[in-house]
């Protein structure tokens, strides 16, 4: 390669790199300017009416900027179900659910913060065969981290997934009713929102015992 062609090649490569960097910067700026509502719709789809509801009332208070990060609770990222009386291993597994994506948004309303948490995952049939419908139990918890964690708010959810012939079905849950008091500025940075599978959410709440009638 001649010296002239080498210089031309270097100029072309440099120009391409500059254009690529500019394109990336513009793309990043557009992405950061995108509203969280749009990101929710992009992440979870916007077909259902529930997901089309605005995340924040445009006439309401300004969103809380310090929205805690979302993390999957250790040991709660996978939900395995086996045949009755069998351990959830090998050929006895009926299905497995996993969390694949998550997002969140917070808004302040007076002395409280309302958090909306989006969870997306997938249910995969196991060797033992999954039932026609699967109940997926999840829990969302707002926790103040530290030497000893303190649970600020927690709630269990259930969503039903209809299995298909291919044995791999996505699911989406949007928890929009997590409310907790506005934390003090000194500790707000230690707040975190944990999500994860919670089999206890499938246990029905005990019924209240009926009062016995007194004998006359």
N, C-alpha and C. Protein backbone atom coordinates (compact mmCIF):
# COMPACT_ATOMS: atom_id res chain seq x y z
N UNK A 1 0.86 -1.19 0.00
CA UNK A 1 0.00 0.00 0.00
C UNK A 1 0.90 1.25 0.00
N UNK A 2 0.65 2.20 -0.94
CA UNK A 2 1.45 3.42 -1.03
C UNK A 2 1.17 4.32 0.16
N UNK A 3 2.10 5.31 0.37
CA UNK A 3 1.91 6.24 1.49
C UNK A 3 0.65 7.05 1.31
N UNK A 4 0.33 7.44 0.02
CA UNK A 4 -0.89 8.23 -0.23
C UNK A 4 -2.14 7.42 0.14
N UNK A 5 -2.21 6.18 -0.31
CA UNK A 5 -3.37 5.34 0.00
C UNK A 5 -3.47 5.06 1.49
N UNK A 6 -2.34 4.92 2.17
CA UNK A 6 -2.35 4.68 3.60
C UNK A 6 -2.95 5.86 4.34
N UNK A 7 -2.56 7.12 3.89
CA UNK A 7 -3.12 8.31 4.53
C UNK A 7 -4.61 8.41 4.29
N UNK A 8 -5.04 8.08 3.04
CA UNK A 8 -6.48 8.12 2.73
C UNK A 8 -7.24 7.10 3.57
N UNK A 9 -6.68 5.93 3.73
CA UNK A 9 -7.32 4.87 4.52
C UNK A 9 -7.48 5.31 5.98
N UNK A 10 -6.42 5.97 6.51
CA UNK A 10 -6.49 6.42 7.89
C UNK A 10 -7.54 7.50 8.07
N UNK A 11 -7.61 8.45 7.08
CA UNK A 11 -8.61 9.51 7.17
C UNK A 11 -10.03 8.93 7.11
N UNK A 12 -10.23 7.95 6.25
CA UNK A 12 -11.55 7.33 6.13
C UNK A 12 -11.94 6.61 7.41
N UNK A 13 -11.00 5.88 8.00
CA UNK A 13 -11.28 5.14 9.23
C UNK A 13 -11.58 6.10 10.37
N UNK A 14 -10.81 7.21 10.42
CA UNK A 14 -11.05 8.20 11.48
C UNK A 14 -12.42 8.83 11.34
N UNK A 15 -12.81 9.17 10.09
CA UNK A 15 -14.13 9.78 9.86
C UNK A 15 -15.24 8.83 10.26
N UNK A 16 -15.07 7.56 9.91
CA UNK A 16 -16.09 6.57 10.26
C UNK A 16 -16.23 6.45 11.76
N UNK A 17 -15.10 6.47 12.46
CA UNK A 17 -15.15 6.35 13.93
C UNK A 17 -15.85 7.54 14.55
N UNK A 18 -15.57 8.77 14.00
CA UNK A 18 -16.21 9.98 14.52
C UNK A 18 -17.71 9.93 14.29
N UNK A 19 -18.12 9.52 13.07
CA UNK A 19 -19.55 9.42 12.78
C UNK A 19 -20.23 8.40 13.67
N UNK A 20 -19.56 7.28 13.93
CA UNK A 20 -20.12 6.26 14.80
C UNK A 20 -20.29 6.78 16.22
N UNK A 21 -19.30 7.54 16.70
CA UNK A 21 -19.39 8.11 18.04
C UNK A 21 -20.51 9.12 18.15
N UNK A 22 -20.66 9.96 17.09
CA UNK A 22 -21.75 10.95 17.09
C UNK A 22 -23.09 10.25 17.09
N UNK A 23 -23.20 9.21 16.27
CA UNK A 23 -24.46 8.47 16.21
C UNK A 23 -24.79 7.84 17.54
N UNK A 24 -23.79 7.31 18.19
CA UNK A 24 -24.01 6.69 19.51
C UNK A 24 -24.45 7.73 20.53
N UNK A 25 -23.81 8.91 20.50
CA UNK A 25 -24.17 9.97 21.44
C UNK A 25 -25.59 10.42 21.24
N UNK A 26 -25.99 10.60 19.96
CA UNK A 26 -27.36 11.02 19.69
C UNK A 26 -28.35 9.97 20.14
N UNK A 27 -28.00 8.68 19.90
CA UNK A 27 -28.88 7.60 20.32
C UNK A 27 -29.03 7.56 21.83
N UNK A 28 -27.90 7.76 22.54
CA UNK A 28 -27.94 7.76 24.00
C UNK A 28 -28.76 8.91 24.52
N UNK A 29 -28.62 10.08 23.93
CA UNK A 29 -29.39 11.24 24.36
C UNK A 29 -30.87 11.03 24.15
N UNK A 30 -31.22 10.45 22.99
CA UNK A 30 -32.64 10.20 22.72
C UNK A 30 -33.20 9.20 23.69
N UNK A 31 -32.39 8.19 24.04
CA UNK A 31 -32.85 7.17 24.97
C UNK A 31 -33.07 7.76 26.35
N UNK A 32 -32.14 8.62 26.80
CA UNK A 32 -32.27 9.19 28.13
C UNK A 32 -33.43 10.16 28.19
N UNK A 33 -33.75 10.80 27.04
CA UNK A 33 -34.86 11.75 27.01
C UNK A 33 -36.20 11.03 26.99
N UNK A 34 -36.18 9.76 26.64
CA UNK A 34 -37.42 8.98 26.57
C UNK A 34 -38.03 8.86 27.96
N UNK A 35 -39.32 9.06 28.06
CA UNK A 35 -39.99 9.00 29.35
C UNK A 35 -40.02 7.57 29.86
N UNK A 36 -40.14 7.43 31.17
CA UNK A 36 -40.20 6.08 31.74
C UNK A 36 -41.46 5.36 31.30
N UNK A 37 -42.53 6.13 31.06
CA UNK A 37 -43.75 5.52 30.54
C UNK A 37 -43.48 4.83 29.22
N UNK A 38 -42.75 5.52 28.32
CA UNK A 38 -42.40 4.92 27.03
C UNK A 38 -41.50 3.72 27.21
N UNK A 39 -40.59 3.80 28.19
CA UNK A 39 -39.70 2.67 28.41
C UNK A 39 -40.45 1.46 28.94
N UNK A 40 -41.47 1.70 29.78
CA UNK A 40 -42.31 0.61 30.24
C UNK A 40 -43.01 -0.04 29.07
N UNK A 41 -43.58 0.79 28.18
CA UNK A 41 -44.30 0.25 27.04
C UNK A 41 -43.35 -0.48 26.10
N UNK A 42 -42.15 0.06 25.94
CA UNK A 42 -41.18 -0.58 25.08
C UNK A 42 -40.73 -1.91 25.67
N UNK A 43 -40.61 -1.94 27.00
CA UNK A 43 -40.13 -3.15 27.67
C UNK A 43 -41.18 -4.23 27.74
N UNK A 44 -42.41 -3.83 28.10
CA UNK A 44 -43.46 -4.81 28.33
C UNK A 44 -44.53 -4.84 27.26
N UNK A 45 -44.47 -3.97 26.27
CA UNK A 45 -45.52 -3.92 25.26
C UNK A 45 -46.65 -3.04 25.72
N UNK A 46 -47.40 -2.47 24.78
CA UNK A 46 -48.45 -1.56 25.16
C UNK A 46 -49.81 -1.96 24.67
N UNK A 47 -50.03 -3.28 24.45
CA UNK A 47 -51.30 -3.71 23.90
C UNK A 47 -52.42 -3.66 24.92
N UNK A 48 -52.14 -4.06 26.17
CA UNK A 48 -53.22 -4.18 27.13
C UNK A 48 -53.61 -2.82 27.68
N UNK A 49 -54.88 -2.68 28.06
CA UNK A 49 -55.36 -1.41 28.58
C UNK A 49 -54.69 -1.08 29.90
N UNK A 50 -54.34 -2.12 30.68
CA UNK A 50 -53.70 -1.87 31.96
C UNK A 50 -52.36 -1.19 31.77
N UNK A 51 -51.60 -1.61 30.77
CA UNK A 51 -50.30 -1.05 30.56
C UNK A 51 -50.36 0.31 29.88
N UNK A 52 -51.51 0.66 29.28
CA UNK A 52 -51.64 1.95 28.62
C UNK A 52 -52.01 3.05 29.60
N UNK A 53 -52.33 2.71 30.83
CA UNK A 53 -52.65 3.71 31.83
C UNK A 53 -51.38 4.49 32.15
N UNK A 54 -51.41 5.86 32.17
CA UNK A 54 -50.21 6.63 32.47
C UNK A 54 -49.63 6.23 33.82
N UNK A 55 -48.31 6.17 33.90
CA UNK A 55 -47.67 5.80 35.14
C UNK A 55 -47.81 6.89 36.19
N UNK A 56 -47.88 8.15 35.76
CA UNK A 56 -48.01 9.25 36.68
C UNK A 56 -49.11 10.18 36.18
N UNK A 57 -50.00 10.60 37.07
CA UNK A 57 -51.06 11.53 36.72
C UNK A 57 -50.43 12.85 36.29
N UNK A 58 -50.65 13.31 35.02
CA UNK A 58 -50.03 14.56 34.57
C UNK A 58 -50.47 15.76 35.38
N UNK A 59 -51.63 15.67 36.06
CA UNK A 59 -52.10 16.77 36.89
C UNK A 59 -51.63 16.65 38.34
N UNK A 60 -50.97 15.56 38.63
CA UNK A 60 -50.55 15.30 40.00
C UNK A 60 -49.22 15.92 40.33
N UNK A 61 -48.65 15.54 41.48
CA UNK A 61 -47.37 16.11 41.92
C UNK A 61 -46.22 15.64 41.05
N UNK A 62 -45.13 16.37 41.12
CA UNK A 62 -43.94 16.01 40.34
C UNK A 62 -43.39 14.68 40.82
N UNK A 63 -42.84 13.86 39.90
CA UNK A 63 -42.30 12.56 40.30
C UNK A 63 -41.16 12.70 41.31
N UNK A 64 -41.07 11.72 42.18
CA UNK A 64 -39.96 11.67 43.12
C UNK A 64 -38.72 11.23 42.37
N UNK A 65 -37.66 12.04 42.45
CA UNK A 65 -36.47 11.74 41.66
C UNK A 65 -35.68 10.58 42.24
N UNK A 66 -35.66 10.48 43.56
CA UNK A 66 -34.86 9.43 44.17
C UNK A 66 -35.68 8.15 44.30
N UNK A 67 -35.84 7.45 43.17
CA UNK A 67 -36.60 6.21 43.16
C UNK A 67 -35.63 5.06 43.42
N UNK A 68 -35.87 4.25 44.44
CA UNK A 68 -34.92 3.18 44.77
C UNK A 68 -34.67 2.24 43.59
N UNK A 69 -33.47 1.72 43.48
CA UNK A 69 -33.19 0.74 42.43
C UNK A 69 -33.92 -0.56 42.69
N UNK A 70 -34.13 -1.35 41.63
CA UNK A 70 -34.81 -2.64 41.75
C UNK A 70 -33.79 -3.75 41.62
N UNK A 71 -33.89 -4.74 42.48
CA UNK A 71 -32.98 -5.88 42.44
C UNK A 71 -33.75 -7.14 42.77
N UNK A 72 -33.30 -8.26 42.21
CA UNK A 72 -33.92 -9.55 42.51
C UNK A 72 -33.34 -10.08 43.83
N UNK A 73 -34.22 -10.43 44.73
CA UNK A 73 -33.80 -10.95 46.03
C UNK A 73 -32.99 -12.23 45.85
N UNK A 74 -31.88 -12.33 46.55
CA UNK A 74 -31.03 -13.52 46.46
C UNK A 74 -31.82 -14.78 46.80
N UNK A 75 -31.71 -15.77 45.93
CA UNK A 75 -32.41 -17.03 46.14
C UNK A 75 -33.85 -17.03 45.67
N UNK A 76 -34.32 -15.90 45.10
CA UNK A 76 -35.72 -15.82 44.69
C UNK A 76 -35.87 -15.49 43.21
N UNK A 77 -34.84 -15.80 42.43
CA UNK A 77 -34.87 -15.47 41.00
C UNK A 77 -35.51 -16.57 40.15
N UNK A 78 -35.68 -17.77 40.74
CA UNK A 78 -36.22 -18.91 40.00
C UNK A 78 -37.30 -19.59 40.83
N UNK A 79 -38.33 -20.03 40.14
CA UNK A 79 -39.44 -20.74 40.81
C UNK A 79 -39.62 -22.08 40.12
N UNK A 80 -39.32 -23.17 40.85
CA UNK A 80 -39.41 -24.53 40.32
C UNK A 80 -40.55 -25.28 40.99
N UNK A 81 -41.34 -25.98 40.19
CA UNK A 81 -42.44 -26.78 40.73
C UNK A 81 -42.32 -28.20 40.18
N UNK A 82 -42.41 -29.18 41.08
CA UNK A 82 -42.26 -30.59 40.69
C UNK A 82 -43.58 -31.33 40.86
N UNK A 83 -43.57 -32.59 40.52
CA UNK A 83 -44.73 -33.44 40.75
C UNK A 83 -45.01 -33.52 42.25
N UNK A 84 -46.25 -33.73 42.65
CA UNK A 84 -46.59 -33.78 44.08
C UNK A 84 -45.71 -34.78 44.83
N UNK A 85 -45.12 -34.31 45.92
CA UNK A 85 -44.30 -35.17 46.75
C UNK A 85 -42.91 -35.43 46.24
N UNK A 86 -42.54 -34.81 45.11
CA UNK A 86 -41.21 -35.02 44.53
C UNK A 86 -40.36 -33.76 44.67
N UNK A 87 -39.03 -33.93 44.76
CA UNK A 87 -38.16 -32.75 44.78
C UNK A 87 -38.09 -32.12 43.39
N UNK A 88 -37.87 -30.81 43.36
CA UNK A 88 -37.86 -30.09 42.08
C UNK A 88 -36.51 -30.23 41.39
N UNK A 89 -36.21 -31.48 40.97
CA UNK A 89 -34.97 -31.75 40.25
C UNK A 89 -35.24 -32.77 39.15
N UNK A 90 -34.41 -32.72 38.13
CA UNK A 90 -34.45 -33.72 37.06
C UNK A 90 -35.79 -33.86 36.38
N UNK A 91 -36.16 -35.11 36.13
CA UNK A 91 -37.37 -35.41 35.37
C UNK A 91 -38.67 -35.16 36.14
N UNK A 92 -38.57 -34.82 37.42
CA UNK A 92 -39.77 -34.57 38.21
C UNK A 92 -40.25 -33.11 38.14
N UNK A 93 -39.48 -32.26 37.47
CA UNK A 93 -39.84 -30.84 37.38
C UNK A 93 -40.99 -30.66 36.38
N UNK A 94 -42.04 -29.99 36.81
CA UNK A 94 -43.19 -29.72 35.94
C UNK A 94 -42.98 -28.42 35.15
N UNK A 95 -42.49 -27.38 35.84
CA UNK A 95 -42.19 -26.13 35.12
C UNK A 95 -41.23 -25.28 35.95
N UNK A 96 -40.63 -24.33 35.26
CA UNK A 96 -39.70 -23.40 35.90
C UNK A 96 -40.03 -21.99 35.43
N UNK A 97 -40.10 -21.06 36.37
CA UNK A 97 -40.33 -19.65 36.05
C UNK A 97 -39.10 -18.84 36.43
N UNK A 98 -38.75 -17.89 35.59
CA UNK A 98 -37.60 -17.02 35.85
C UNK A 98 -37.99 -15.58 35.56
N UNK A 99 -37.29 -14.65 36.21
CA UNK A 99 -37.47 -13.22 35.97
C UNK A 99 -36.41 -12.78 34.97
N UNK A 100 -36.84 -12.09 33.94
CA UNK A 100 -35.91 -11.69 32.89
C UNK A 100 -35.67 -10.18 32.84
N UNK A 101 -36.70 -9.38 33.14
CA UNK A 101 -36.55 -7.93 33.09
C UNK A 101 -37.36 -7.27 34.19
N UNK A 102 -36.98 -6.04 34.52
CA UNK A 102 -37.71 -5.29 35.53
C UNK A 102 -37.50 -3.80 35.31
N UNK A 103 -38.46 -3.01 35.80
CA UNK A 103 -38.38 -1.56 35.69
C UNK A 103 -39.20 -0.97 36.82
N UNK A 104 -38.99 0.33 37.09
CA UNK A 104 -39.75 0.95 38.17
C UNK A 104 -39.92 2.43 37.92
N UNK A 105 -40.91 3.01 38.62
CA UNK A 105 -41.14 4.44 38.60
C UNK A 105 -41.76 4.84 39.93
N UNK A 106 -41.38 6.01 40.44
CA UNK A 106 -41.91 6.48 41.71
C UNK A 106 -42.50 7.87 41.55
N UNK A 107 -43.53 8.16 42.33
CA UNK A 107 -44.12 9.49 42.37
C UNK A 107 -44.44 9.83 43.81
N UNK A 108 -44.19 11.09 44.15
CA UNK A 108 -44.46 11.53 45.53
C UNK A 108 -45.86 12.14 45.61
N UNK A 109 -46.55 11.80 46.68
CA UNK A 109 -47.88 12.35 46.92
C UNK A 109 -47.98 12.69 48.40
N UNK A 110 -47.72 13.94 48.72
CA UNK A 110 -47.71 14.35 50.12
C UNK A 110 -46.56 13.71 50.86
N UNK A 111 -46.86 13.00 51.92
CA UNK A 111 -45.82 12.36 52.72
C UNK A 111 -45.53 10.93 52.31
N UNK A 112 -46.12 10.48 51.20
CA UNK A 112 -45.92 9.10 50.73
C UNK A 112 -45.30 9.06 49.34
N UNK A 113 -44.71 7.92 49.04
CA UNK A 113 -44.20 7.64 47.70
C UNK A 113 -44.94 6.41 47.18
N UNK A 114 -45.45 6.51 45.98
CA UNK A 114 -46.09 5.37 45.32
C UNK A 114 -45.14 4.85 44.25
N UNK A 115 -44.79 3.58 44.35
CA UNK A 115 -43.87 2.96 43.40
C UNK A 115 -44.64 2.04 42.47
N UNK A 116 -44.31 2.08 41.21
CA UNK A 116 -44.89 1.16 40.25
C UNK A 116 -43.76 0.29 39.70
N UNK A 117 -43.90 -1.02 39.87
CA UNK A 117 -42.85 -1.96 39.54
C UNK A 117 -43.31 -2.86 38.39
N UNK A 118 -42.52 -2.94 37.35
CA UNK A 118 -42.81 -3.83 36.23
C UNK A 118 -41.89 -5.04 36.27
N UNK A 119 -42.47 -6.21 36.15
CA UNK A 119 -41.70 -7.45 36.17
C UNK A 119 -42.06 -8.28 34.95
N UNK A 120 -41.07 -8.71 34.23
CA UNK A 120 -41.29 -9.60 33.08
C UNK A 120 -40.48 -10.86 33.28
N UNK A 121 -41.07 -11.99 32.92
CA UNK A 121 -40.36 -13.25 33.07
C UNK A 121 -40.85 -14.27 32.07
N UNK A 122 -40.50 -15.51 32.33
CA UNK A 122 -40.87 -16.59 31.40
C UNK A 122 -41.09 -17.88 32.17
N UNK A 123 -42.10 -18.65 31.74
CA UNK A 123 -42.38 -19.95 32.32
C UNK A 123 -42.06 -21.01 31.27
N UNK A 124 -41.24 -21.99 31.65
CA UNK A 124 -40.82 -23.05 30.73
C UNK A 124 -41.26 -24.40 31.29
N UNK A 125 -41.90 -25.19 30.46
CA UNK A 125 -42.36 -26.52 30.89
C UNK A 125 -41.17 -27.43 31.15
N UNK A 126 -41.30 -28.28 32.16
CA UNK A 126 -40.24 -29.21 32.50
C UNK A 126 -40.51 -30.60 31.95
N UNK A 127 -39.61 -31.55 32.22
CA UNK A 127 -39.74 -32.92 31.70
C UNK A 127 -41.04 -33.60 32.12
N UNK A 128 -41.55 -33.28 33.31
CA UNK A 128 -42.77 -33.94 33.80
C UNK A 128 -44.04 -33.35 33.20
N UNK A 129 -43.90 -32.28 32.45
CA UNK A 129 -45.06 -31.68 31.80
C UNK A 129 -45.77 -30.66 32.66
N UNK A 130 -45.96 -29.46 32.13
CA UNK A 130 -46.63 -28.39 32.88
C UNK A 130 -48.14 -28.50 32.74
N UNK A 131 -48.88 -27.99 33.71
CA UNK A 131 -50.34 -27.97 33.59
C UNK A 131 -50.76 -26.93 32.55
N UNK A 132 -52.05 -26.90 32.25
CA UNK A 132 -52.54 -25.96 31.23
C UNK A 132 -52.37 -24.52 31.68
N UNK A 133 -52.54 -24.26 32.96
CA UNK A 133 -52.32 -22.92 33.51
C UNK A 133 -51.39 -23.00 34.71
N UNK A 134 -50.60 -21.97 34.87
CA UNK A 134 -49.60 -21.94 35.94
C UNK A 134 -49.81 -20.66 36.76
N UNK A 135 -49.80 -20.80 38.07
CA UNK A 135 -49.87 -19.65 38.96
C UNK A 135 -48.45 -19.24 39.34
N UNK A 136 -48.11 -17.99 39.05
CA UNK A 136 -46.77 -17.49 39.36
C UNK A 136 -46.86 -16.55 40.56
N UNK A 137 -46.24 -16.92 41.69
CA UNK A 137 -46.29 -16.07 42.89
C UNK A 137 -45.08 -15.14 42.97
N UNK A 138 -45.32 -13.88 43.20
CA UNK A 138 -44.24 -12.90 43.27
C UNK A 138 -44.41 -12.02 44.50
N UNK A 139 -43.32 -11.44 44.94
CA UNK A 139 -43.37 -10.49 46.05
C UNK A 139 -42.51 -9.28 45.73
N UNK A 140 -43.02 -8.12 46.11
CA UNK A 140 -42.29 -6.86 45.97
C UNK A 140 -42.12 -6.28 47.37
N UNK A 141 -40.90 -5.85 47.70
CA UNK A 141 -40.64 -5.31 49.03
C UNK A 141 -39.72 -4.10 48.93
N UNK A 142 -40.08 -3.04 49.64
CA UNK A 142 -39.22 -1.87 49.77
C UNK A 142 -38.44 -2.05 51.07
N UNK A 143 -37.12 -2.02 50.96
CA UNK A 143 -36.27 -2.35 52.11
C UNK A 143 -35.25 -1.24 52.33
N UNK A 144 -35.02 -0.92 53.59
CA UNK A 144 -33.92 -0.03 53.93
C UNK A 144 -32.72 -0.89 54.27
N UNK A 145 -31.67 -0.79 53.43
CA UNK A 145 -30.49 -1.61 53.63
C UNK A 145 -29.63 -1.12 54.78
N UNK A 146 -28.64 -1.91 55.10
CA UNK A 146 -27.74 -1.56 56.19
C UNK A 146 -27.25 -2.81 56.88
N UNK A 147 -26.69 -2.64 58.07
CA UNK A 147 -26.20 -3.79 58.82
C UNK A 147 -27.33 -4.79 59.06
N UNK A 148 -28.49 -4.28 59.41
CA UNK A 148 -29.68 -5.12 59.52
C UNK A 148 -30.78 -4.47 58.68
N UNK A 149 -31.28 -5.21 57.70
CA UNK A 149 -32.29 -4.67 56.80
C UNK A 149 -33.61 -4.44 57.52
N UNK A 150 -34.31 -3.40 57.08
CA UNK A 150 -35.63 -3.10 57.62
C UNK A 150 -36.63 -3.07 56.48
N UNK A 151 -37.67 -3.88 56.57
CA UNK A 151 -38.70 -3.90 55.53
C UNK A 151 -39.65 -2.73 55.76
N UNK A 152 -39.76 -1.87 54.76
CA UNK A 152 -40.62 -0.69 54.86
C UNK A 152 -42.02 -1.00 54.35
N UNK A 153 -42.11 -1.72 53.25
CA UNK A 153 -43.41 -2.09 52.68
C UNK A 153 -43.22 -3.37 51.88
N UNK A 154 -44.22 -4.23 51.88
CA UNK A 154 -44.13 -5.48 51.13
C UNK A 154 -45.51 -5.95 50.73
N UNK A 155 -45.59 -6.59 49.58
CA UNK A 155 -46.88 -7.11 49.11
C UNK A 155 -46.65 -8.28 48.17
N UNK A 156 -47.52 -9.29 48.29
CA UNK A 156 -47.45 -10.48 47.44
C UNK A 156 -48.44 -10.35 46.28
N UNK A 157 -48.06 -10.94 45.15
CA UNK A 157 -48.90 -10.90 43.95
C UNK A 157 -48.93 -12.28 43.31
N UNK A 158 -49.98 -12.52 42.54
CA UNK A 158 -50.09 -13.76 41.78
C UNK A 158 -50.55 -13.42 40.37
N UNK A 159 -49.97 -14.08 39.39
CA UNK A 159 -50.42 -13.91 38.03
C UNK A 159 -50.55 -15.29 37.39
N UNK A 160 -51.59 -15.48 36.58
CA UNK A 160 -51.85 -16.77 35.95
C UNK A 160 -51.32 -16.77 34.52
N UNK A 161 -50.60 -17.82 34.18
CA UNK A 161 -50.01 -17.96 32.85
C UNK A 161 -50.62 -19.16 32.15
N UNK A 162 -51.17 -18.96 30.97
CA UNK A 162 -51.71 -20.06 30.17
C UNK A 162 -50.58 -20.65 29.33
N UNK A 163 -50.28 -21.90 29.55
CA UNK A 163 -49.19 -22.55 28.83
C UNK A 163 -49.60 -22.88 27.40
N UNK A 164 -48.63 -22.91 26.52
CA UNK A 164 -48.87 -23.23 25.11
C UNK A 164 -48.15 -24.52 24.74
N UNK A 165 -48.37 -24.95 23.51
CA UNK A 165 -47.81 -26.23 23.07
C UNK A 165 -46.29 -26.23 23.07
N UNK A 166 -45.68 -25.07 22.82
CA UNK A 166 -44.21 -25.06 22.76
C UNK A 166 -43.58 -25.05 24.15
N UNK A 167 -44.40 -24.85 25.20
CA UNK A 167 -43.90 -24.97 26.56
C UNK A 167 -43.02 -23.84 27.04
N UNK A 168 -43.10 -22.67 26.40
CA UNK A 168 -42.32 -21.51 26.83
C UNK A 168 -43.17 -20.26 26.65
N UNK A 169 -43.58 -19.68 27.78
CA UNK A 169 -44.54 -18.56 27.72
C UNK A 169 -44.03 -17.40 28.58
N UNK A 170 -44.03 -16.17 28.03
CA UNK A 170 -43.64 -15.01 28.84
C UNK A 170 -44.79 -14.56 29.74
N UNK A 171 -44.46 -13.87 30.81
CA UNK A 171 -45.49 -13.29 31.66
C UNK A 171 -45.06 -11.88 32.06
N UNK A 172 -46.04 -11.06 32.39
CA UNK A 172 -45.79 -9.68 32.80
C UNK A 172 -46.67 -9.35 34.00
N UNK A 173 -46.08 -8.69 34.98
CA UNK A 173 -46.83 -8.21 36.14
C UNK A 173 -46.42 -6.78 36.41
N UNK A 174 -47.40 -5.90 36.57
CA UNK A 174 -47.12 -4.52 36.96
C UNK A 174 -47.80 -4.27 38.30
N UNK A 175 -46.98 -4.09 39.33
CA UNK A 175 -47.48 -3.79 40.68
C UNK A 175 -47.48 -2.28 40.85
N UNK A 176 -48.67 -1.71 40.92
CA UNK A 176 -48.75 -0.24 40.96
C UNK A 176 -49.31 0.29 42.27
N UNK A 177 -49.27 -0.52 43.32
CA UNK A 177 -49.86 -0.09 44.59
C UNK A 177 -48.89 -0.24 45.76
N UNK A 178 -47.61 -0.06 45.52
CA UNK A 178 -46.63 -0.09 46.59
C UNK A 178 -46.48 1.33 47.13
N UNK A 179 -46.92 1.55 48.36
CA UNK A 179 -46.89 2.88 48.97
C UNK A 179 -46.08 2.82 50.26
N UNK A 180 -45.19 3.80 50.44
CA UNK A 180 -44.40 3.86 51.67
C UNK A 180 -44.08 5.31 52.00
N UNK A 181 -43.80 5.62 53.27
CA UNK A 181 -43.51 7.00 53.66
C UNK A 181 -42.24 7.53 53.01
N UNK A 182 -42.22 8.82 52.72
CA UNK A 182 -41.01 9.44 52.17
C UNK A 182 -39.88 9.29 53.18
N UNK A 183 -38.76 8.70 52.78
CA UNK A 183 -37.66 8.51 53.74
C UNK A 183 -36.91 9.81 54.02
N UNK A 184 -36.25 9.86 55.16
CA UNK A 184 -35.40 11.00 55.47
C UNK A 184 -34.25 11.05 54.49
N UNK A 185 -33.79 12.25 54.19
CA UNK A 185 -32.73 12.42 53.19
C UNK A 185 -31.48 11.62 53.55
N UNK A 186 -31.21 11.49 54.85
CA UNK A 186 -29.99 10.80 55.29
C UNK A 186 -29.99 9.31 54.96
N UNK A 187 -31.19 8.71 54.82
CA UNK A 187 -31.26 7.26 54.59
C UNK A 187 -31.89 6.90 53.25
N UNK A 188 -32.34 7.90 52.49
CA UNK A 188 -33.05 7.59 51.24
C UNK A 188 -32.17 6.82 50.25
N UNK A 189 -30.86 7.07 50.30
CA UNK A 189 -29.96 6.37 49.39
C UNK A 189 -29.77 4.91 49.71
N UNK A 190 -30.19 4.47 50.89
CA UNK A 190 -30.04 3.07 51.28
C UNK A 190 -31.28 2.24 50.96
N UNK A 191 -32.31 2.86 50.41
CA UNK A 191 -33.53 2.14 50.07
C UNK A 191 -33.33 1.33 48.79
N UNK A 192 -33.94 0.16 48.75
CA UNK A 192 -33.88 -0.70 47.57
C UNK A 192 -35.21 -1.44 47.45
N UNK A 193 -35.62 -1.70 46.23
CA UNK A 193 -36.85 -2.45 45.98
C UNK A 193 -36.45 -3.86 45.55
N UNK A 194 -36.82 -4.83 46.36
CA UNK A 194 -36.53 -6.22 46.04
C UNK A 194 -37.75 -6.87 45.40
N UNK A 195 -37.51 -7.70 44.39
CA UNK A 195 -38.56 -8.52 43.81
C UNK A 195 -38.08 -9.96 43.79
N UNK A 196 -39.02 -10.88 43.71
CA UNK A 196 -38.64 -12.29 43.65
C UNK A 196 -39.86 -13.18 43.74
N UNK A 197 -39.67 -14.45 43.48
CA UNK A 197 -40.75 -15.42 43.61
C UNK A 197 -40.95 -15.75 45.08
N UNK A 198 -42.22 -15.90 45.45
CA UNK A 198 -42.56 -16.22 46.84
C UNK A 198 -43.68 -17.25 46.85
N UNK A 199 -43.34 -18.53 46.97
CA UNK A 199 -44.38 -19.58 46.98
C UNK A 199 -45.43 -19.39 48.06
N UNK A 200 -45.09 -18.69 49.15
CA UNK A 200 -46.06 -18.47 50.22
C UNK A 200 -47.23 -17.62 49.74
N UNK A 201 -47.05 -16.90 48.64
CA UNK A 201 -48.13 -16.07 48.11
C UNK A 201 -49.28 -16.92 47.58
N UNK A 202 -49.03 -18.20 47.34
CA UNK A 202 -50.08 -19.09 46.84
C UNK A 202 -50.91 -19.69 47.96
N UNK A 203 -50.44 -19.52 49.19
CA UNK A 203 -51.17 -20.07 50.33
C UNK A 203 -52.37 -19.19 50.65
N UNK A 204 -53.58 -19.72 50.58
CA UNK A 204 -54.75 -18.88 50.87
C UNK A 204 -54.75 -18.41 52.31
N UNK A 205 -55.23 -17.18 52.51
CA UNK A 205 -55.30 -16.65 53.86
C UNK A 205 -56.34 -17.42 54.67
N UNK A 206 -56.05 -17.67 55.94
CA UNK A 206 -57.01 -18.43 56.77
C UNK A 206 -58.31 -17.67 56.93
N UNK A 207 -59.40 -18.40 56.87
CA UNK A 207 -60.70 -17.77 57.03
C UNK A 207 -60.96 -17.45 58.50
N UNK A 208 -61.66 -16.36 58.69
CA UNK A 208 -62.00 -15.98 60.07
C UNK A 208 -63.01 -16.97 60.63
N UNK A 209 -62.78 -17.38 61.86
CA UNK A 209 -63.68 -18.34 62.48
C UNK A 209 -65.02 -17.68 62.82
N UNK A 210 -66.07 -18.35 62.50
CA UNK A 210 -67.40 -17.82 62.81
C UNK A 210 -67.65 -17.90 64.31
N UNK A 211 -68.26 -16.89 64.82
CA UNK A 211 -68.55 -16.86 66.27
C UNK A 211 -69.59 -17.93 66.60
N UNK A 212 -69.34 -18.63 67.68
CA UNK A 212 -70.25 -19.68 68.10
C UNK A 212 -71.49 -19.07 68.74
N UNK A 213 -72.61 -19.65 68.42
CA UNK A 213 -73.86 -19.18 69.00
C UNK A 213 -74.03 -19.74 70.41
N UNK A 214 -74.42 -18.87 71.28
CA UNK A 214 -74.63 -19.31 72.66
C UNK A 214 -75.91 -20.13 72.77
N UNK A 215 -75.81 -21.20 73.54
CA UNK A 215 -77.00 -22.04 73.73
C UNK A 215 -77.96 -21.35 74.68
N UNK A 216 -79.20 -21.40 74.35
CA UNK A 216 -80.22 -20.79 75.20
C UNK A 216 -80.61 -21.74 76.31
